[in-house]
Amino acid sequence: MSEAKKPAAKKAAPKKAAKAASGKMLKVTQIASGAGRIQAQHATLKGLGLNKLNRSKLLQDSPEVRGMINAVKHLVKVEEAA
């Protein structure tokens, strides 16, 4: 009478649609310090890969990156990379 219950099969997680890479790159350079700024701005600079003055990063042009840049636009300089 003791029947072993089989564990329920795990459902596959729905796959997210792949975003089309635009291929555009942005060169983001930190031109002002994050010291003395609100914590969110300091964290945004870190998220962009910037932590010291005059450091630059090449980042993929995406809405997410553009939003982060917009949050700290007074601290960074943005150029389109060829």
Protein backbone atom coordinates (compact mmCIF):
# COMPACT_ATOMS: atom_id res chain seq x y z
CA MET A 1 0.00 0.00 0.00
CA SER A 2 2.90 2.37 0.31
CA GLU A 3 3.19 4.01 -3.03
CA ALA A 4 6.12 6.34 -3.54
CA LYS A 5 5.04 9.66 -4.94
CA LYS A 6 7.10 10.87 -7.80
CA PRO A 7 8.22 14.49 -7.53
CA ALA A 8 6.43 16.81 -9.89
CA ALA A 9 8.38 17.54 -13.02
CA LYS A 10 9.91 20.98 -13.02
CA LYS A 11 8.47 23.33 -15.52
CA ALA A 12 10.89 25.04 -17.84
CA ALA A 13 11.26 28.74 -17.21
CA PRO A 14 9.88 30.86 -20.04
CA LYS A 15 12.64 32.07 -22.29
CA LYS A 16 13.12 35.79 -22.63
CA ALA A 17 13.14 37.18 -26.12
CA ALA A 18 16.66 37.98 -27.19
CA LYS A 19 17.23 41.67 -27.68
CA ALA A 20 18.66 42.62 -31.01
CA ALA A 21 22.08 44.13 -30.51
CA SER A 22 22.23 47.45 -32.26
CA GLY A 23 26.00 47.16 -32.57
CA LYS A 24 26.43 50.77 -31.48
CA MET A 25 28.91 51.48 -28.75
CA LEU A 26 29.15 54.46 -26.42
CA LYS A 27 32.32 55.81 -24.84
CA VAL A 28 31.40 57.05 -21.38
CA THR A 29 33.98 59.11 -19.45
CA GLN A 30 33.63 60.23 -15.84
CA ILE A 31 34.28 63.98 -15.65
CA ALA A 32 33.17 64.70 -12.06
CA SER A 33 33.57 62.91 -8.76
CA GLY A 34 30.91 60.73 -7.20
CA ALA A 35 32.03 61.81 -3.73
CA GLY A 36 29.39 63.79 -1.88
CA ARG A 37 26.63 62.62 -4.24
CA ILE A 38 23.60 60.63 -3.22
CA GLN A 39 24.22 56.91 -2.88
CA ALA A 40 22.14 56.06 -5.95
CA GLN A 41 24.35 58.20 -8.19
CA HIS A 42 27.49 56.67 -6.75
CA ALA A 43 26.06 53.18 -7.34
CA THR A 44 25.10 54.11 -10.91
CA LEU A 45 28.67 55.19 -11.64
CA LYS A 46 29.86 51.85 -10.29
CA GLY A 47 27.29 50.05 -12.44
CA LEU A 48 28.65 51.83 -15.50
CA GLY A 49 32.13 50.65 -14.55
CA LEU A 50 33.37 54.10 -13.58
CA ASN A 51 34.90 54.90 -10.22
CA LYS A 52 37.63 57.49 -10.77
CA LEU A 53 37.89 60.71 -12.71
CA ASN A 54 38.80 60.52 -16.38
CA ARG A 55 38.19 56.77 -16.58
CA SER A 56 36.42 55.68 -19.76
CA LYS A 57 34.39 52.61 -20.66
CA LEU A 58 33.01 51.35 -23.96
CA LEU A 59 29.43 50.25 -23.37
CA GLN A 60 26.78 48.73 -25.61
CA ASP A 61 24.14 51.32 -26.59
CA SER A 62 20.94 50.04 -24.98
CA PRO A 63 17.95 51.61 -23.22
CA GLU A 64 19.25 50.31 -19.89
CA VAL A 65 22.65 51.95 -20.31
CA ARG A 66 21.08 55.16 -21.63
CA GLY A 67 18.89 55.31 -18.50
CA MET A 68 21.90 54.91 -16.25
CA ILE A 69 23.76 57.61 -18.17
CA ASN A 70 20.75 59.92 -17.85
CA ALA A 71 20.79 59.48 -14.06
CA VAL A 72 24.37 60.75 -13.84
CA LYS A 73 24.54 62.94 -16.94
CA HIS A 74 26.11 65.78 -14.95
CA LEU A 75 29.01 63.50 -13.96
CA VAL A 76 29.84 61.88 -17.32
CA LYS A 77 30.63 62.73 -20.91
CA VAL A 78 29.20 60.49 -23.64
CA GLU A 79 30.56 60.02 -27.14
CA GLU A 80 29.60 57.58 -29.89
CA ALA A 81 32.41 55.14 -30.49
CA ALA A 82 33.13 54.23 -34.10
